[in-house]
Amino acid sequence: MFGNNDFNVLLIFITGTIPFFTTTMEEYFTHKMYLGVINGADEGCVGVGLLFIISAILGNTMWTNPVNNGLTMG
């Protein structure tokens, strides 16, 4: 819901590439590539991609609608 502009294209591009960039920089400086069981370069990018797909299918209003989980306070 930011609109269509250059900033949003850059934001989407950066969101998907930061995990790969940081993993590559870590390998460059430490000469080792350690990826844990859950890491940003694998599962993180899949998660971001799934969020993009869900947003495309359900529309951007899904982020502004309140979540009704059936729980009441008080």
PDB file of N, CA and C in Angstrom:
ATOM      1  N   MET A   1       0.805  -1.181   0.000  1.00  0.00           N
ATOM      2  CA  MET A   1       0.000   0.000   0.000  1.00  0.00           C
ATOM      3  C   MET A   1       0.860   1.263   0.000  1.00  0.00           C
ATOM      4  N   PHE A   2       2.117   1.127  -0.424  1.00  0.00           N
ATOM      5  CA  PHE A   2       2.985   2.292  -0.556  1.00  0.00           C
ATOM      6  C   PHE A   2       2.761   3.011  -1.870  1.00  0.00           C
ATOM      7  N   GLY A   3       2.181   2.334  -2.845  1.00  0.00           N
ATOM      8  CA  GLY A   3       2.014   2.907  -4.172  1.00  0.00           C
ATOM      9  C   GLY A   3       3.054   2.347  -5.124  1.00  0.00           C
ATOM     10  N   ASN A   4       2.973   2.745  -6.360  1.00  0.00           N
ATOM     11  CA  ASN A   4       3.921   2.301  -7.377  1.00  0.00           C
ATOM     12  C   ASN A   4       4.932   3.407  -7.616  1.00  0.00           C
ATOM     13  N   ASN A   5       6.143   3.193  -7.103  1.00  0.00           N
ATOM     14  CA  ASN A   5       7.206   4.166  -7.330  1.00  0.00           C
ATOM     15  C   ASN A   5       8.552   3.450  -7.286  1.00  0.00           C
ATOM     16  N   ASP A   6       9.594   4.193  -7.556  1.00  0.00           N
ATOM     17  CA  ASP A   6      10.934   3.606  -7.624  1.00  0.00           C
ATOM     18  C   ASP A   6      11.382   3.061  -6.277  1.00  0.00           C
ATOM     19  N   PHE A   7      10.996   3.710  -5.200  1.00  0.00           N
ATOM     20  CA  PHE A   7      11.394   3.248  -3.865  1.00  0.00           C
ATOM     21  C   PHE A   7      10.869   1.839  -3.587  1.00  0.00           C
ATOM     22  N   ASN A   8       9.637   1.564  -3.969  1.00  0.00           N
ATOM     23  CA  ASN A   8       9.052   0.256  -3.700  1.00  0.00           C
ATOM     24  C   ASN A   8       9.704  -0.842  -4.523  1.00  0.00           C
ATOM     25  N   VAL A   9      10.051  -0.549  -5.761  1.00  0.00           N
ATOM     26  CA  VAL A   9      10.770  -1.528  -6.576  1.00  0.00           C
ATOM     27  C   VAL A   9      12.112  -1.833  -5.937  1.00  0.00           C
ATOM     28  N   LEU A  10      12.804  -0.820  -5.485  1.00  0.00           N
ATOM     29  CA  LEU A  10      14.087  -1.005  -4.808  1.00  0.00           C
ATOM     30  C   LEU A  10      13.914  -1.787  -3.510  1.00  0.00           C
ATOM     31  N   LEU A  11      12.880  -1.488  -2.757  1.00  0.00           N
ATOM     32  CA  LEU A  11      12.621  -2.187  -1.500  1.00  0.00           C
ATOM     33  C   LEU A  11      12.385  -3.674  -1.729  1.00  0.00           C
ATOM     34  N   ILE A  12      11.595  -4.022  -2.721  1.00  0.00           N
ATOM     35  CA  ILE A  12      11.332  -5.430  -3.022  1.00  0.00           C
ATOM     36  C   ILE A  12      12.613  -6.123  -3.489  1.00  0.00           C
ATOM     37  N   PHE A  13      13.413  -5.458  -4.291  1.00  0.00           N
ATOM     38  CA  PHE A  13      14.673  -6.032  -4.761  1.00  0.00           C
ATOM     39  C   PHE A  13      15.633  -6.271  -3.602  1.00  0.00           C
ATOM     40  N   ILE A  14      15.764  -5.288  -2.727  1.00  0.00           N
ATOM     41  CA  ILE A  14      16.693  -5.394  -1.599  1.00  0.00           C
ATOM     42  C   ILE A  14      16.239  -6.471  -0.618  1.00  0.00           C
ATOM     43  N   THR A  15      14.936  -6.575  -0.376  1.00  0.00           N
ATOM     44  CA  THR A  15      14.427  -7.570   0.573  1.00  0.00           C
ATOM     45  C   THR A  15      14.834  -8.978   0.181  1.00  0.00           C
ATOM     46  N   GLY A  16      14.823  -9.266  -1.098  1.00  0.00           N
ATOM     47  CA  GLY A  16      15.183 -10.604  -1.545  1.00  0.00           C
ATOM     48  C   GLY A  16      16.674 -10.852  -1.659  1.00  0.00           C
ATOM     49  N   THR A  17      17.487  -9.789  -1.764  1.00  0.00           N
ATOM     50  CA  THR A  17      18.914  -9.981  -1.999  1.00  0.00           C
ATOM     51  C   THR A  17      19.789  -9.822  -0.761  1.00  0.00           C
ATOM     52  N   ILE A  18      19.292  -9.204   0.286  1.00  0.00           N
ATOM     53  CA  ILE A  18      20.125  -8.990   1.481  1.00  0.00           C
ATOM     54  C   ILE A  18      20.637 -10.298   2.092  1.00  0.00           C
ATOM     55  N   PRO A  19      19.816 -11.339   2.237  1.00  0.00           N
ATOM     56  CA  PRO A  19      20.362 -12.586   2.803  1.00  0.00           C
ATOM     57  C   PRO A  19      21.510 -13.161   1.985  1.00  0.00           C
ATOM     58  N   PHE A  20      21.414 -13.128   0.648  1.00  0.00           N
ATOM     59  CA  PHE A  20      22.507 -13.640  -0.173  1.00  0.00           C
ATOM     60  C   PHE A  20      23.749 -12.769  -0.037  1.00  0.00           C
ATOM     61  N   PHE A  21      23.572 -11.460   0.011  1.00  0.00           N
ATOM     62  CA  PHE A  21      24.709 -10.552   0.135  1.00  0.00           C
ATOM     63  C   PHE A  21      25.444 -10.769   1.455  1.00  0.00           C
ATOM     64  N   THR A  22      24.696 -10.853   2.554  1.00  0.00           N
ATOM     65  CA  THR A  22      25.355 -11.025   3.852  1.00  0.00           C
ATOM     66  C   THR A  22      26.047 -12.376   3.965  1.00  0.00           C
ATOM     67  N   THR A  23      25.454 -13.422   3.402  1.00  0.00           N
ATOM     68  CA  THR A  23      26.093 -14.737   3.424  1.00  0.00           C
ATOM     69  C   THR A  23      27.379 -14.726   2.612  1.00  0.00           C
ATOM     70  N   THR A  24      27.359 -14.070   1.460  1.00  0.00           N
ATOM     71  CA  THR A  24      28.553 -13.988   0.622  1.00  0.00           C
ATOM     72  C   THR A  24      29.648 -13.179   1.300  1.00  0.00           C
ATOM     73  N   MET A  25      29.283 -12.076   1.949  1.00  0.00           N
ATOM     74  CA  MET A  25      30.285 -11.275   2.650  1.00  0.00           C
ATOM     75  C   MET A  25      30.886 -12.032   3.823  1.00  0.00           C
ATOM     76  N   GLU A  26      30.060 -12.799   4.529  1.00  0.00           N
ATOM     77  CA  GLU A  26      30.586 -13.603   5.640  1.00  0.00           C
ATOM     78  C   GLU A  26      31.600 -14.617   5.125  1.00  0.00           C
ATOM     79  N   GLU A  27      31.289 -15.267   4.007  1.00  0.00           N
ATOM     80  CA  GLU A  27      32.221 -16.239   3.450  1.00  0.00           C
ATOM     81  C   GLU A  27      33.511 -15.557   2.986  1.00  0.00           C
ATOM     82  N   TYR A  28      33.396 -14.371   2.413  1.00  0.00           N
ATOM     83  CA  TYR A  28      34.573 -13.662   1.922  1.00  0.00           C
ATOM     84  C   TYR A  28      35.530 -13.308   3.061  1.00  0.00           C
ATOM     85  N   PHE A  29      34.973 -12.819   4.179  1.00  0.00           N
ATOM     86  CA  PHE A  29      35.834 -12.366   5.270  1.00  0.00           C
ATOM     87  C   PHE A  29      36.278 -13.488   6.195  1.00  0.00           C
ATOM     88  N   THR A  30      35.485 -14.526   6.370  1.00  0.00           N
ATOM     89  CA  THR A  30      35.856 -15.605   7.292  1.00  0.00           C
ATOM     90  C   THR A  30      36.415 -16.828   6.574  1.00  0.00           C
ATOM     91  N   HIS A  31      36.301 -16.870   5.258  1.00  0.00           N
ATOM     92  CA  HIS A  31      36.735 -18.006   4.436  1.00  0.00           C
ATOM     93  C   HIS A  31      35.994 -19.291   4.782  1.00  0.00           C
ATOM     94  N   LYS A  32      34.826 -19.156   5.380  1.00  0.00           N
ATOM     95  CA  LYS A  32      33.969 -20.292   5.690  1.00  0.00           C
ATOM     96  C   LYS A  32      32.535 -19.886   5.416  1.00  0.00           C
ATOM     97  N   MET A  33      31.761 -20.821   4.917  1.00  0.00           N
ATOM     98  CA  MET A  33      30.339 -20.553   4.742  1.00  0.00           C
ATOM     99  C   MET A  33      29.583 -21.452   5.702  1.00  0.00           C
ATOM    100  N   TYR A  34      29.058 -20.841   6.734  1.00  0.00           N
ATOM    101  CA  TYR A  34      28.269 -21.578   7.708  1.00  0.00           C
ATOM    102  C   TYR A  34      26.814 -21.165   7.557  1.00  0.00           C
ATOM    103  N   LEU A  35      25.990 -22.118   7.189  1.00  0.00           N
ATOM    104  CA  LEU A  35      24.561 -21.891   7.110  1.00  0.00           C
ATOM    105  C   LEU A  35      23.901 -22.812   8.128  1.00  0.00           C
ATOM    106  N   GLY A  36      23.207 -22.223   9.064  1.00  0.00           N
ATOM    107  CA  GLY A  36      22.518 -23.008  10.068  1.00  0.00           C
ATOM    108  C   GLY A  36      21.348 -23.769   9.473  1.00  0.00           C
ATOM    109  N   VAL A  37      20.642 -24.485  10.321  1.00  0.00           N
ATOM    110  CA  VAL A  37      19.503 -25.271   9.860  1.00  0.00           C
ATOM    111  C   VAL A  37      18.469 -24.361   9.220  1.00  0.00           C
ATOM    112  N   ILE A  38      18.178 -23.242   9.860  1.00  0.00           N
ATOM    113  CA  ILE A  38      17.289 -22.236   9.294  1.00  0.00           C
ATOM    114  C   ILE A  38      18.116 -20.978   9.077  1.00  0.00           C
ATOM    115  N   ASN A  39      18.207 -20.529   7.831  1.00  0.00           N
ATOM    116  CA  ASN A  39      19.051 -19.378   7.523  1.00  0.00           C
ATOM    117  C   ASN A  39      18.365 -18.480   6.510  1.00  0.00           C
ATOM    118  N   GLY A  40      18.850 -17.268   6.421  1.00  0.00           N
ATOM    119  CA  GLY A  40      18.239 -16.274   5.544  1.00  0.00           C
ATOM    120  C   GLY A  40      18.448 -16.549   4.069  1.00  0.00           C
ATOM    121  N   ALA A  41      19.547 -17.167   3.720  1.00  0.00           N
ATOM    122  CA  ALA A  41      19.834 -17.386   2.303  1.00  0.00           C
ATOM    123  C   ALA A  41      18.942 -18.450   1.690  1.00  0.00           C
ATOM    124  N   ASP A  42      18.447 -19.371   2.474  1.00  0.00           N
ATOM    125  CA  ASP A  42      17.567 -20.418   1.936  1.00  0.00           C
ATOM    126  C   ASP A  42      16.123 -20.188   2.354  1.00  0.00           C
ATOM    127  N   GLU A  43      15.827 -20.482   3.590  1.00  0.00           N
ATOM    128  CA  GLU A  43      14.451 -20.395   4.072  1.00  0.00           C
ATOM    129  C   GLU A  43      13.938 -18.961   4.140  1.00  0.00           C
ATOM    130  N   GLY A  44      14.815 -18.017   4.402  1.00  0.00           N
ATOM    131  CA  GLY A  44      14.396 -16.623   4.470  1.00  0.00           C
ATOM    132  C   GLY A  44      13.878 -16.114   3.137  1.00  0.00           C
ATOM    133  N   CYS A  45      14.571 -16.450   2.058  1.00  0.00           N
ATOM    134  CA  CYS A  45      14.129 -16.010   0.731  1.00  0.00           C
ATOM    135  C   CYS A  45      12.850 -16.715   0.308  1.00  0.00           C
ATOM    136  N   VAL A  46      12.705 -17.979   0.690  1.00  0.00           N
ATOM    137  CA  VAL A  46      11.455 -18.685   0.394  1.00  0.00           C
ATOM    138  C   VAL A  46      10.310 -18.026   1.159  1.00  0.00           C
ATOM    139  N   GLY A  47      10.555 -17.660   2.411  1.00  0.00           N
ATOM    140  CA  GLY A  47       9.529 -16.998   3.209  1.00  0.00           C
ATOM    141  C   GLY A  47       9.113 -15.659   2.630  1.00  0.00           C
ATOM    142  N   VAL A  48      10.076 -14.869   2.204  1.00  0.00           N
ATOM    143  CA  VAL A  48       9.770 -13.572   1.590  1.00  0.00           C
ATOM    144  C   VAL A  48       8.990 -13.786   0.296  1.00  0.00           C
ATOM    145  N   GLY A  49       9.394 -14.763  -0.490  1.00  0.00           N
ATOM    146  CA  GLY A  49       8.678 -15.064  -1.726  1.00  0.00           C
ATOM    147  C   GLY A  49       7.243 -15.490  -1.471  1.00  0.00           C
ATOM    148  N   LEU A  50       7.029 -16.312  -0.438  1.00  0.00           N
ATOM    149  CA  LEU A  50       5.674 -16.729  -0.089  1.00  0.00           C
ATOM    150  C   LEU A  50       4.824 -15.544   0.352  1.00  0.00           C
ATOM    151  N   LEU A  51       5.409 -14.642   1.129  1.00  0.00           N
ATOM    152  CA  LEU A  51       4.668 -13.442   1.524  1.00  0.00           C
ATOM    153  C   LEU A  51       4.280 -12.596   0.316  1.00  0.00           C
ATOM    154  N   PHE A  52       5.175 -12.490  -0.656  1.00  0.00           N
ATOM    155  CA  PHE A  52       4.855 -11.745  -1.875  1.00  0.00           C
ATOM    156  C   PHE A  52       3.729 -12.420  -2.644  1.00  0.00           C
ATOM    157  N   ILE A  53       3.760 -13.752  -2.747  1.00  0.00           N
ATOM    158  CA  ILE A  53       2.720 -14.480  -3.470  1.00  0.00           C
ATOM    159  C   ILE A  53       1.379 -14.354  -2.762  1.00  0.00           C
ATOM    160  N   ILE A  54       1.387 -14.502  -1.426  1.00  0.00           N
ATOM    161  CA  ILE A  54       0.148 -14.367  -0.657  1.00  0.00           C
ATOM    162  C   ILE A  54      -0.424 -12.961  -0.805  1.00  0.00           C
ATOM    163  N   SER A  55       0.445 -11.957  -0.771  1.00  0.00           N
ATOM    164  CA  SER A  55      -0.013 -10.578  -0.954  1.00  0.00           C
ATOM    165  C   SER A  55      -0.594 -10.367  -2.345  1.00  0.00           C
ATOM    166  N   ALA A  56      -0.006 -11.008  -3.343  1.00  0.00           N
ATOM    167  CA  ALA A  56      -0.514 -10.863  -4.707  1.00  0.00           C
ATOM    168  C   ALA A  56      -1.880 -11.523  -4.856  1.00  0.00           C
ATOM    169  N   ILE A  57      -2.082 -12.654  -4.204  1.00  0.00           N
ATOM    170  CA  ILE A  57      -3.348 -13.378  -4.325  1.00  0.00           C
ATOM    171  C   ILE A  57      -4.448 -12.694  -3.513  1.00  0.00           C
ATOM    172  N   LEU A  58      -4.163 -12.356  -2.266  1.00  0.00           N
ATOM    173  CA  LEU A  58      -5.182 -11.820  -1.366  1.00  0.00           C
ATOM    174  C   LEU A  58      -5.338 -10.306  -1.458  1.00  0.00           C
ATOM    175  N   GLY A  59      -4.388  -9.636  -2.058  1.00  0.00           N
ATOM    176  CA  GLY A  59      -4.459  -8.181  -2.172  1.00  0.00           C
ATOM    177  C   GLY A  59      -3.768  -7.500  -1.000  1.00  0.00           C
ATOM    178  N   ASN A  60      -3.470  -6.225  -1.176  1.00  0.00           N
ATOM    179  CA  ASN A  60      -2.716  -5.509  -0.149  1.00  0.00           C
ATOM    180  C   ASN A  60      -3.551  -5.139   1.068  1.00  0.00           C
ATOM    181  N   THR A  61      -4.871  -5.272   0.982  1.00  0.00           N
ATOM    182  CA  THR A  61      -5.691  -4.943   2.154  1.00  0.00           C
ATOM    183  C   THR A  61      -5.558  -5.978   3.258  1.00  0.00           C
ATOM    184  N   MET A  62      -4.993  -7.147   2.949  1.00  0.00           N
ATOM    185  CA  MET A  62      -4.809  -8.161   3.992  1.00  0.00           C
ATOM    186  C   MET A  62      -3.889  -7.656   5.110  1.00  0.00           C
ATOM    187  N   TRP A  63      -3.042  -6.697   4.808  1.00  0.00           N
ATOM    188  CA  TRP A  63      -2.117  -6.176   5.806  1.00  0.00           C
ATOM    189  C   TRP A  63      -2.766  -5.121   6.708  1.00  0.00           C
ATOM    190  N   THR A  64      -3.918  -4.604   6.324  1.00  0.00           N
ATOM    191  CA  THR A  64      -4.572  -3.579   7.133  1.00  0.00           C
ATOM    192  C   THR A  64      -5.812  -4.094   7.850  1.00  0.00           C
ATOM    193  N   ASN A  65      -6.323  -5.260   7.463  1.00  0.00           N
ATOM    194  CA  ASN A  65      -7.495  -5.824   8.127  1.00  0.00           C
ATOM    195  C   ASN A  65      -7.108  -6.409   9.480  1.00  0.00           C
ATOM    196  N   PRO A  66      -7.935  -6.193  10.515  1.00  0.00           N
ATOM    197  CA  PRO A  66      -7.629  -6.792  11.812  1.00  0.00           C
ATOM    198  C   PRO A  66      -7.801  -8.313  11.759  1.00  0.00           C
ATOM    199  N   VAL A  67      -6.993  -8.999  12.536  1.00  0.00           N
ATOM    200  CA  VAL A  67      -7.065 -10.454  12.590  1.00  0.00           C
ATOM    201  C   VAL A  67      -8.040 -10.840  13.691  1.00  0.00           C
ATOM    202  N   ASN A  68      -9.024 -11.643  13.347  1.00  0.00           N
ATOM    203  CA  ASN A  68     -10.000 -12.114  14.323  1.00  0.00           C
ATOM    204  C   ASN A  68      -9.708 -13.577  14.603  1.00  0.00           C
ATOM    205  N   ASN A  69      -9.076 -13.842  15.729  1.00  0.00           N
ATOM    206  CA  ASN A  69      -8.702 -15.207  16.065  1.00  0.00           C
ATOM    207  C   ASN A  69      -9.657 -15.855  17.048  1.00  0.00           C
ATOM    208  N   GLY A  70     -10.778 -15.211  17.371  1.00  0.00           N
ATOM    209  CA  GLY A  70     -11.764 -15.796  18.265  1.00  0.00           C
ATOM    210  C   GLY A  70     -11.482 -15.595  19.739  1.00  0.00           C
ATOM    211  N   LEU A  71     -10.377 -14.980  20.080  1.00  0.00           N
ATOM    212  CA  LEU A  71     -10.040 -14.753  21.481  1.00  0.00           C
ATOM    213  C   LEU A  71     -10.570 -13.395  21.915  1.00  0.00           C
ATOM    214  N   THR A  72     -11.103 -13.324  23.114  1.00  0.00           N
ATOM    215  CA  THR A  72     -11.597 -12.052  23.634  1.00  0.00           C
ATOM    216  C   THR A  72     -10.802 -11.684  24.873  1.00  0.00           C
ATOM    217  N   MET A  73     -10.636 -10.417  25.045  1.00  0.00           N
ATOM    218  CA  MET A  73      -9.895  -9.924  26.201  1.00  0.00           C
ATOM    219  C   MET A  73     -10.893  -9.525  27.282  1.00  0.00           C
ATOM    220  N   GLY A  74     -10.660  -9.978  28.510  1.00  0.00           N
ATOM    221  CA  GLY A  74     -11.472  -9.538  29.639  1.00  0.00           C
ATOM    222  C   GLY A  74     -12.664 -10.309  29.841  1.00  0.00           C
TER     223      GLY A  74
END
